PDB file of N, CA and C in Angstrom:
ATOM      1  N   MET A   1     105.320  88.134  94.945  1.00  0.00           N
ATOM      2  CA  MET A   1     105.566  89.140  95.568  1.00  0.00           C
ATOM      3  C   MET A   1     104.028  90.399  94.854  1.00  0.00           C
ATOM      4  N   ALA A   2     103.738  91.239  95.149  1.00  0.00           N
ATOM      5  CA  ALA A   2     102.756  92.059  94.696  1.00  0.00           C
ATOM      6  C   ALA A   2     102.943  92.233  93.654  1.00  0.00           C
ATOM      7  N   GLU A   3     101.921  93.284  93.262  1.00  0.00           N
ATOM      8  CA  GLU A   3     102.757  94.483  91.617  1.00  0.00           C
ATOM      9  C   GLU A   3     100.919  94.897  91.597  1.00  0.00           C
ATOM     10  N   ARG A   4     101.512  96.198  90.748  1.00  0.00           N
ATOM     11  CA  ARG A   4     100.212  97.149  91.612  1.00  0.00           C
ATOM     12  C   ARG A   4     100.610  98.000  90.113  1.00  0.00           C
ATOM     13  N   HIS A   5      99.988  98.207  89.498  1.00  0.00           N
ATOM     14  CA  HIS A   5     100.015  99.239  87.698  1.00  0.00           C
ATOM     15  C   HIS A   5      98.745 101.004  87.880  1.00  0.00           C
ATOM     16  N   ALA A   6     100.360 101.862  87.723  1.00  0.00           N
ATOM     17  CA  ALA A   6      99.481 103.210  88.121  1.00  0.00           C
ATOM     18  C   ALA A   6      99.561 104.051  86.699  1.00  0.00           C
ATOM     19  N   VAL A   7      98.850 104.760  86.553  1.00  0.00           N
ATOM     20  CA  VAL A   7      99.541 106.208  86.142  1.00  0.00           C
ATOM     21  C   VAL A   7      99.374 107.322  86.538  1.00  0.00           C
ATOM     22  N   VAL A   8     100.507 107.606  86.257  1.00  0.00           N
ATOM     23  CA  VAL A   8     101.162 109.270  86.488  1.00  0.00           C
ATOM     24  C   VAL A   8      99.873 110.453  86.215  1.00  0.00           C
ATOM     25  N   GLY A   9      99.429 111.351  87.509  1.00  0.00           N
ATOM     26  CA  GLY A   9      98.469 112.150  87.008  1.00  0.00           C
ATOM     27  C   GLY A   9      99.088 113.321  87.634  1.00  0.00           C
ATOM     28  N   SER A  10     100.189 113.774  87.851  1.00  0.00           N
ATOM     29  CA  SER A  10     100.629 115.178  88.377  1.00  0.00           C
ATOM     30  C   SER A  10     100.770 115.453  87.000  1.00  0.00           C
ATOM     31  N   SER A  11     100.895 116.700  86.617  1.00  0.00           N
ATOM     32  CA  SER A  11     100.968 117.362  85.985  1.00  0.00           C
ATOM     33  C   SER A  11     102.104 117.409  85.143  1.00  0.00           C
ATOM     34  N   VAL A  12     102.787 117.639  86.575  1.00  0.00           N
ATOM     35  CA  VAL A  12     104.555 117.269  85.701  1.00  0.00           C
ATOM     36  C   VAL A  12     105.515 116.498  85.653  1.00  0.00           C
ATOM     37  N   GLY A  13     104.844 115.172  85.665  1.00  0.00           N
ATOM     38  CA  GLY A  13     104.509 113.738  86.248  1.00  0.00           C
ATOM     39  C   GLY A  13     105.755 113.824  87.211  1.00  0.00           C
ATOM     40  N   LEU A  14     106.189 112.329  87.417  1.00  0.00           N
ATOM     41  CA  LEU A  14     106.910 112.142  89.018  1.00  0.00           C
ATOM     42  C   LEU A  14     108.827 113.113  88.982  1.00  0.00           C
ATOM     43  N   HIS A  15     108.106 114.057  89.017  1.00  0.00           N
ATOM     44  CA  HIS A  15     109.678 115.294  89.106  1.00  0.00           C
ATOM     45  C   HIS A  15     109.229 116.534  89.770  1.00  0.00           C
ATOM     46  N   ALA A  16     110.359 116.669  90.619  1.00  0.00           N
ATOM     47  CA  ALA A  16     109.925 117.809  91.536  1.00  0.00           C
ATOM     48  C   ALA A  16     109.127 117.539  93.434  1.00  0.00           C
ATOM     49  N   ARG A  17     107.759 118.077  93.285  1.00  0.00           N
ATOM     50  CA  ARG A  17     107.557 117.456  94.565  1.00  0.00           C
ATOM     51  C   ARG A  17     106.646 116.419  94.509  1.00  0.00           C
ATOM     52  N   PRO A  18     106.114 116.212  93.196  1.00  0.00           N
ATOM     53  CA  PRO A  18     105.567 114.662  93.419  1.00  0.00           C
ATOM     54  C   PRO A  18     106.899 113.910  93.581  1.00  0.00           C
ATOM     55  N   ALA A  19     107.711 113.799  92.905  1.00  0.00           N
ATOM     56  CA  ALA A  19     108.694 113.108  93.396  1.00  0.00           C
ATOM     57  C   ALA A  19     109.462 112.669  94.898  1.00  0.00           C
ATOM     58  N   ALA A  20     109.057 113.955  95.605  1.00  0.00           N
ATOM     59  CA  ALA A  20     109.425 113.861  97.164  1.00  0.00           C
ATOM     60  C   ALA A  20     108.836 113.094  97.449  1.00  0.00           C
ATOM     61  N   LEU A  21     107.578 113.663  96.997  1.00  0.00           N
ATOM     62  CA  LEU A  21     106.025 113.213  98.017  1.00  0.00           C
ATOM     63  C   LEU A  21     105.674 111.552  98.229  1.00  0.00           C
ATOM     64  N   LEU A  22     106.230 111.431  97.155  1.00  0.00           N
ATOM     65  CA  LEU A  22     106.654 109.214  96.818  1.00  0.00           C
ATOM     66  C   LEU A  22     107.408 108.773  97.194  1.00  0.00           C
ATOM     67  N   VAL A  23     108.899 109.755  97.352  1.00  0.00           N
ATOM     68  CA  VAL A  23     109.956 108.824  97.805  1.00  0.00           C
ATOM     69  C   VAL A  23     109.902 108.813  99.578  1.00  0.00           C
ATOM     70  N   GLN A  24     109.119 109.618 100.196  1.00  0.00           N
ATOM     71  CA  GLN A  24     108.724 109.907 101.069  1.00  0.00           C
ATOM     72  C   GLN A  24     107.131 108.763 102.088  1.00  0.00           C
ATOM     73  N   ALA A  25     106.631 108.991 101.288  1.00  0.00           N
ATOM     74  CA  ALA A  25     106.021 108.011 102.129  1.00  0.00           C
ATOM     75  C   ALA A  25     106.264 106.524 101.346  1.00  0.00           C
ATOM     76  N   ALA A  26     107.351 105.868 100.266  1.00  0.00           N
ATOM     77  CA  ALA A  26     108.200 104.679 100.546  1.00  0.00           C
ATOM     78  C   ALA A  26     108.717 104.755 100.870  1.00  0.00           C
ATOM     79  N   GLY A  27     109.657 105.438 101.770  1.00  0.00           N
ATOM     80  CA  GLY A  27     110.200 105.053 103.287  1.00  0.00           C
ATOM     81  C   GLY A  27     109.740 105.432 104.443  1.00  0.00           C
ATOM     82  N   ARG A  28     108.512 105.439 104.135  1.00  0.00           N
ATOM     83  CA  ARG A  28     107.899 105.447 105.640  1.00  0.00           C
ATOM     84  C   ARG A  28     107.237 103.792 105.762  1.00  0.00           C
ATOM     85  N   ALA A  29     107.340 103.094 103.954  1.00  0.00           N
ATOM     86  CA  ALA A  29     106.705 101.934 104.480  1.00  0.00           C
ATOM     87  C   ALA A  29     107.382 100.748 104.805  1.00  0.00           C
ATOM     88  N   PRO A  30     106.573  99.940 105.554  1.00  0.00           N
ATOM     89  CA  PRO A  30     107.735  98.981 106.266  1.00  0.00           C
ATOM     90  C   PRO A  30     108.106  97.813 105.125  1.00  0.00           C
ATOM     91  N   VAL A  31     107.674  97.943 104.116  1.00  0.00           N
ATOM     92  CA  VAL A  31     108.402  96.717 102.985  1.00  0.00           C
ATOM     93  C   VAL A  31     109.201  98.059 101.754  1.00  0.00           C
ATOM     94  N   LYS A  32     110.126  97.028 101.062  1.00  0.00           N
ATOM     95  CA  LYS A  32     110.756  97.770 100.622  1.00  0.00           C
ATOM     96  C   LYS A  32     110.099  98.294  98.888  1.00  0.00           C
ATOM     97  N   VAL A  33     109.818  98.633  98.606  1.00  0.00           N
ATOM     98  CA  VAL A  33     109.643  99.248  97.049  1.00  0.00           C
ATOM     99  C   VAL A  33     110.365  99.347  95.948  1.00  0.00           C
ATOM    100  N   THR A  34     109.830  98.801  94.634  1.00  0.00           N
ATOM    101  CA  THR A  34     110.013  99.291  92.940  1.00  0.00           C
ATOM    102  C   THR A  34     109.072 100.032  92.639  1.00  0.00           C
ATOM    103  N   ILE A  35     109.638 100.671  91.592  1.00  0.00           N
ATOM    104  CA  ILE A  35     109.102 101.615  90.867  1.00  0.00           C
ATOM    105  C   ILE A  35     109.840 101.121  89.787  1.00  0.00           C
ATOM    106  N   ALA A  36     109.019 101.233  87.840  1.00  0.00           N
ATOM    107  CA  ALA A  36     109.460 100.940  86.689  1.00  0.00           C
ATOM    108  C   ALA A  36     108.687 102.277  85.904  1.00  0.00           C
ATOM    109  N   LYS A  37     108.672 102.136  85.062  1.00  0.00           N
ATOM    110  CA  LYS A  37     107.916 102.335  83.713  1.00  0.00           C
ATOM    111  C   LYS A  37     107.770 100.636  83.449  1.00  0.00           C
ATOM    112  N   GLU A  38     106.802 101.106  82.759  1.00  0.00           N
ATOM    113  CA  GLU A  38     106.407  99.582  82.514  1.00  0.00           C
ATOM    114  C   GLU A  38     107.111  99.149  81.185  1.00  0.00           C
ATOM    115  N   GLY A  39     107.457  98.322  80.963  1.00  0.00           N
ATOM    116  CA  GLY A  39     108.654  97.167  80.170  1.00  0.00           C
ATOM    117  C   GLY A  39     110.138  97.912  80.044  1.00  0.00           C
ATOM    118  N   GLY A  40     110.504  98.503  81.821  1.00  0.00           N
ATOM    119  CA  GLY A  40     111.499  99.433  82.214  1.00  0.00           C
ATOM    120  C   GLY A  40     112.074  98.401  83.221  1.00  0.00           C
ATOM    121  N   GLU A  41     113.565  99.006  83.508  1.00  0.00           N
ATOM    122  CA  GLU A  41     113.801  98.600  84.797  1.00  0.00           C
ATOM    123  C   GLU A  41     113.496  99.596  86.096  1.00  0.00           C
ATOM    124  N   PRO A  42     113.188  98.854  86.729  1.00  0.00           N
ATOM    125  CA  PRO A  42     112.242  98.972  88.382  1.00  0.00           C
ATOM    126  C   PRO A  42     113.849  99.618  88.902  1.00  0.00           C
ATOM    127  N   THR A  43     113.531 100.302  90.289  1.00  0.00           N
ATOM    128  CA  THR A  43     114.371 101.178  90.597  1.00  0.00           C
ATOM    129  C   THR A  43     113.731 100.922  91.616  1.00  0.00           C
ATOM    130  N   ASP A  44     114.650 101.669  93.618  1.00  0.00           N
ATOM    131  CA  ASP A  44     114.591 101.713  94.275  1.00  0.00           C
ATOM    132  C   ASP A  44     113.786 102.962  94.817  1.00  0.00           C
ATOM    133  N   ALA A  45     112.502 102.753  95.063  1.00  0.00           N
ATOM    134  CA  ALA A  45     110.953 103.565  95.240  1.00  0.00           C
ATOM    135  C   ALA A  45     111.684 104.729  96.517  1.00  0.00           C
ATOM    136  N   ARG A  46     112.196 104.695  97.293  1.00  0.00           N
ATOM    137  CA  ARG A  46     112.785 105.522  98.271  1.00  0.00           C
ATOM    138  C   ARG A  46     114.071 106.749  98.047  1.00  0.00           C
ATOM    139  N   SER A  47     114.241 106.192  96.775  1.00  0.00           N
ATOM    140  CA  SER A  47     115.577 106.776  96.141  1.00  0.00           C
ATOM    141  C   SER A  47     115.079 108.134  95.337  1.00  0.00           C
ATOM    142  N   ILE A  48     115.311 109.682  95.695  1.00  0.00           N
ATOM    143  CA  ILE A  48     114.838 110.166  94.622  1.00  0.00           C
ATOM    144  C   ILE A  48     115.882 110.463  93.650  1.00  0.00           C
ATOM    145  N   LEU A  49     116.978 110.604  93.448  1.00  0.00           N
ATOM    146  CA  LEU A  49     117.612 109.708  91.571  1.00  0.00           C
ATOM    147  C   LEU A  49     117.342 109.091  90.953  1.00  0.00           C
ATOM    148  N   GLY A  50     117.021 107.589  92.035  1.00  0.00           N
ATOM    149  CA  GLY A  50     116.003 107.175  90.946  1.00  0.00           C
ATOM    150  C   GLY A  50     114.378 107.136  90.283  1.00  0.00           C
ATOM    151  N   VAL A  51     113.661 107.132  91.577  1.00  0.00           N
ATOM    152  CA  VAL A  51     111.899 107.883  90.467  1.00  0.00           C
ATOM    153  C   VAL A  51     112.851 109.091  89.914  1.00  0.00           C
ATOM    154  N   LEU A  52     113.129 109.638  90.165  1.00  0.00           N
ATOM    155  CA  LEU A  52     113.409 111.578  88.614  1.00  0.00           C
ATOM    156  C   LEU A  52     114.462 110.893  87.435  1.00  0.00           C
ATOM    157  N   SER A  53     115.600 109.311  87.205  1.00  0.00           N
ATOM    158  CA  SER A  53     115.183 108.784  86.237  1.00  0.00           C
ATOM    159  C   SER A  53     114.748 108.023  85.337  1.00  0.00           C
ATOM    160  N   LEU A  54     113.650 108.265  86.207  1.00  0.00           N
ATOM    161  CA  LEU A  54     112.001 107.689  85.586  1.00  0.00           C
ATOM    162  C   LEU A  54     111.907 108.331  84.277  1.00  0.00           C
ATOM    163  N   ASP A  55     112.336 109.437  84.679  1.00  0.00           N
ATOM    164  CA  ASP A  55     111.550 110.654  83.883  1.00  0.00           C
ATOM    165  C   ASP A  55     109.854 110.297  83.178  1.00  0.00           C
ATOM    166  N   ALA A  56     109.293 109.824  84.277  1.00  0.00           N
ATOM    167  CA  ALA A  56     107.638 108.450  84.288  1.00  0.00           C
ATOM    168  C   ALA A  56     107.107 110.770  84.007  1.00  0.00           C
ATOM    169  N   ARG A  57     106.118 110.494  82.662  1.00  0.00           N
ATOM    170  CA  ARG A  57     105.590 112.106  82.748  1.00  0.00           C
ATOM    171  C   ARG A  57     104.191 111.798  82.576  1.00  0.00           C
ATOM    172  N   ARG A  58     103.447 112.215  83.484  1.00  0.00           N
ATOM    173  CA  ARG A  58     101.659 112.230  82.729  1.00  0.00           C
ATOM    174  C   ARG A  58     101.138 111.115  81.851  1.00  0.00           C
ATOM    175  N   GLY A  59     100.622 110.196  82.104  1.00  0.00           N
ATOM    176  CA  GLY A  59     100.289 109.373  81.647  1.00  0.00           C
ATOM    177  C   GLY A  59     100.647 108.216  81.546  1.00  0.00           C
ATOM    178  N   ASP A  60     101.756 108.740  81.486  1.00  0.00           N
ATOM    179  CA  ASP A  60     102.514 107.000  81.753  1.00  0.00           C
ATOM    180  C   ASP A  60     102.400 105.901  82.725  1.00  0.00           C
ATOM    181  N   LYS A  61     102.090 104.946  82.370  1.00  0.00           N
ATOM    182  CA  LYS A  61     101.667 104.031  83.404  1.00  0.00           C
ATOM    183  C   LYS A  61     103.227 103.528  84.008  1.00  0.00           C
ATOM    184  N   VAL A  62     103.322 103.169  85.086  1.00  0.00           N
ATOM    185  CA  VAL A  62     104.428 102.629  86.053  1.00  0.00           C
ATOM    186  C   VAL A  62     103.747 101.351  86.366  1.00  0.00           C
ATOM    187  N   VAL A  63     104.738 100.654  86.726  1.00  0.00           N
ATOM    188  CA  VAL A  63     104.572  99.412  88.227  1.00  0.00           C
ATOM    189  C   VAL A  63     105.054  98.845  88.941  1.00  0.00           C
ATOM    190  N   LEU A  64     104.444  98.969  90.296  1.00  0.00           N
ATOM    191  CA  LEU A  64     105.109  99.479  91.464  1.00  0.00           C
ATOM    192  C   LEU A  64     105.042  98.236  92.095  1.00  0.00           C
ATOM    193  N   ALA A  65     105.905  97.640  92.889  1.00  0.00           N
ATOM    194  CA  ALA A  65     106.495  95.823  93.296  1.00  0.00           C
ATOM    195  C   ALA A  65     107.087  96.159  94.848  1.00  0.00           C
ATOM    196  N   ALA A  66     106.369  95.423  95.545  1.00  0.00           N
ATOM    197  CA  ALA A  66     106.829  95.037  97.262  1.00  0.00           C
ATOM    198  C   ALA A  66     106.573  93.396  97.285  1.00  0.00           C
ATOM    199  N   ASP A  67     107.231  92.724  98.616  1.00  0.00           N
ATOM    200  CA  ASP A  67     107.221  92.019  98.542  1.00  0.00           C
ATOM    201  C   ASP A  67     107.373  91.774 100.542  1.00  0.00           C
ATOM    202  N   GLY A  68     106.148  91.250 101.318  1.00  0.00           N
ATOM    203  CA  GLY A  68     106.313  91.402 102.536  1.00  0.00           C
ATOM    204  C   GLY A  68     104.321  91.316 103.215  1.00  0.00           C
ATOM    205  N   ASP A  69     104.646  90.894 104.860  1.00  0.00           N
ATOM    206  CA  ASP A  69     103.950  91.724 104.931  1.00  0.00           C
ATOM    207  C   ASP A  69     103.035  93.491 104.973  1.00  0.00           C
ATOM    208  N   GLY A  70     102.014  93.382 104.445  1.00  0.00           N
ATOM    209  CA  GLY A  70     101.320  94.906 104.113  1.00  0.00           C
ATOM    210  C   GLY A  70     101.464  95.197 103.023  1.00  0.00           C
ATOM    211  N   ALA A  71     102.301  94.542 101.881  1.00  0.00           N
ATOM    212  CA  ALA A  71     102.770  94.601 100.590  1.00  0.00           C
ATOM    213  C   ALA A  71     101.393  95.152  99.740  1.00  0.00           C
ATOM    214  N   GLY A  72     100.298  94.755  99.531  1.00  0.00           N
ATOM    215  CA  GLY A  72      99.462  95.039  98.947  1.00  0.00           C
ATOM    216  C   GLY A  72      98.446  96.353  99.356  1.00  0.00           C
ATOM    217  N   ALA A  73      98.966  96.938 101.105  1.00  0.00           N
ATOM    218  CA  ALA A  73      98.168  98.534 101.694  1.00  0.00           C
ATOM    219  C   ALA A  73      99.459  99.105 100.799  1.00  0.00           C
ATOM    220  N   VAL A  74     100.661  99.215 101.591  1.00  0.00           N
ATOM    221  CA  VAL A  74     101.267  99.814 100.863  1.00  0.00           C
ATOM    222  C   VAL A  74     101.080 100.132  99.281  1.00  0.00           C
ATOM    223  N   LEU A  75     101.569  99.479  99.002  1.00  0.00           N
ATOM    224  CA  LEU A  75     101.558  99.687  96.763  1.00  0.00           C
ATOM    225  C   LEU A  75      99.775 100.263  96.575  1.00  0.00           C
ATOM    226  N   ALA A  76      99.331  99.943  97.319  1.00  0.00           N
ATOM    227  CA  ALA A  76      97.803 100.968  97.138  1.00  0.00           C
ATOM    228  C   ALA A  76      97.790 102.097  97.243  1.00  0.00           C
ATOM    229  N   GLU A  77      98.856 102.568  98.949  1.00  0.00           N
ATOM    230  CA  GLU A  77      98.798 104.205  98.686  1.00  0.00           C
ATOM    231  C   GLU A  77      99.907 104.870  98.208  1.00  0.00           C
ATOM    232  N   LEU A  78     100.566 104.368  97.584  1.00  0.00           N
ATOM    233  CA  LEU A  78     101.203 104.571  96.676  1.00  0.00           C
ATOM    234  C   LEU A  78     100.988 105.206  95.150  1.00  0.00           C
ATOM    235  N   ALA A  79     100.078 103.858  94.839  1.00  0.00           N
ATOM    236  CA  ALA A  79      99.755 104.018  94.199  1.00  0.00           C
ATOM    237  C   ALA A  79      98.630 105.820  93.566  1.00  0.00           C
ATOM    238  N   GLY A  80      98.056 105.196  94.731  1.00  0.00           N
ATOM    239  CA  GLY A  80      97.146 106.035  94.994  1.00  0.00           C
ATOM    240  C   GLY A  80      97.436 108.048  94.776  1.00  0.00           C
ATOM    241  N   LEU A  81      98.798 107.918  95.020  1.00  0.00           N
ATOM    242  CA  LEU A  81      99.197 108.938  95.413  1.00  0.00           C
ATOM    243  C   LEU A  81      99.940 109.629  93.279  1.00  0.00           C
ATOM    244  N   ILE A  82     100.620 108.525  93.217  1.00  0.00           N
ATOM    245  CA  ILE A  82     100.664 108.659  91.830  1.00  0.00           C
ATOM    246  C   ILE A  82      99.434 109.197  90.695  1.00  0.00           C
ATOM    247  N   GLU A  83      98.842 108.103  91.151  1.00  0.00           N
ATOM    248  CA  GLU A  83      97.395 108.441  90.353  1.00  0.00           C
ATOM    249  C   GLU A  83      96.890 110.138  90.517  1.00  0.00           C
ATOM    250  N   SER A  84      97.666 110.888  91.974  1.00  0.00           N
ATOM    251  CA  SER A  84      96.992 111.991  92.276  1.00  0.00           C
ATOM    252  C   SER A  84      97.526 112.950  90.876  1.00  0.00           C
ATOM    253  N   ASP A  85      97.174 114.301  91.282  1.00  0.00           N
ATOM    254  CA  ASP A  85      97.934 115.710  90.749  1.00  0.00           C
ATOM    255  C   ASP A  85      98.515 116.417  92.204  1.00  0.00           C
ATOM    256  N   LEU A  86      99.211 115.890  92.814  1.00  0.00           N
ATOM    257  CA  LEU A  86      99.960 116.161  93.389  1.00  0.00           C
ATOM    258  C   LEU A  86     100.665 117.576  93.008  1.00  0.00           C
ATOM    259  N   ASP A  87     100.620 118.331  92.285  1.00  0.00           N
ATOM    260  CA  ASP A  87     100.959 119.645  92.551  1.00  0.00           C
ATOM    261  C   ASP A  87      99.456 120.754  91.827  1.00  0.00           C
ATOM    262  N   ALA A  88      98.359 119.970  92.397  1.00  0.00           N
ATOM    263  CA  ALA A  88      97.050 120.749  92.473  1.00  0.00           C
ATOM    264  C   ALA A  88      97.008 121.943  92.789  1.00  0.00           C
ATOM    265  N   GLY A  89      96.805 122.980  93.330  1.00  0.00           N
ATOM    266  CA  GLY A  89      96.980 123.534  94.471  1.00  0.00           C
ATOM    267  C   GLY A  89      98.029 124.726  94.436  1.00  0.00           C
ATOM    268  N   GLU A  90      99.171 124.702  94.241  1.00  0.00           N
ATOM    269  CA  GLU A  90     100.007 124.857  94.076  1.00  0.00           C
ATOM    270  C   GLU A  90     100.403 125.767  93.167  1.00  0.00           C
ATOM    271  N   GLY A  91     100.707 127.679  93.973  1.00  0.00           N
ATOM    272  CA  GLY A  91     100.945 128.779  93.141  1.00  0.00           C
ATOM    273  C   GLY A  91     100.743 129.321  93.639  1.00  0.00           C
TER     274      GLY A  91
END
């Protein structure tokens, strides 16, 4: 199983728009991806309720995990989303 650590970069954390973008990207992935706050229980990254329930805030560390062909590339893409400020430019 491949794992990737990321630090939440969005100013609102993984809530609202950032969570929706992450869930959409995970839903397009060819492998199932889980996400957890460091030291916490993993949840399905395709579940908006699961991602929101993490209560991951800016600066929190999360762990992504996936298994299967292309898992490394998928985790890299999702980690890039998580580490970006997905709320930048809104207003």
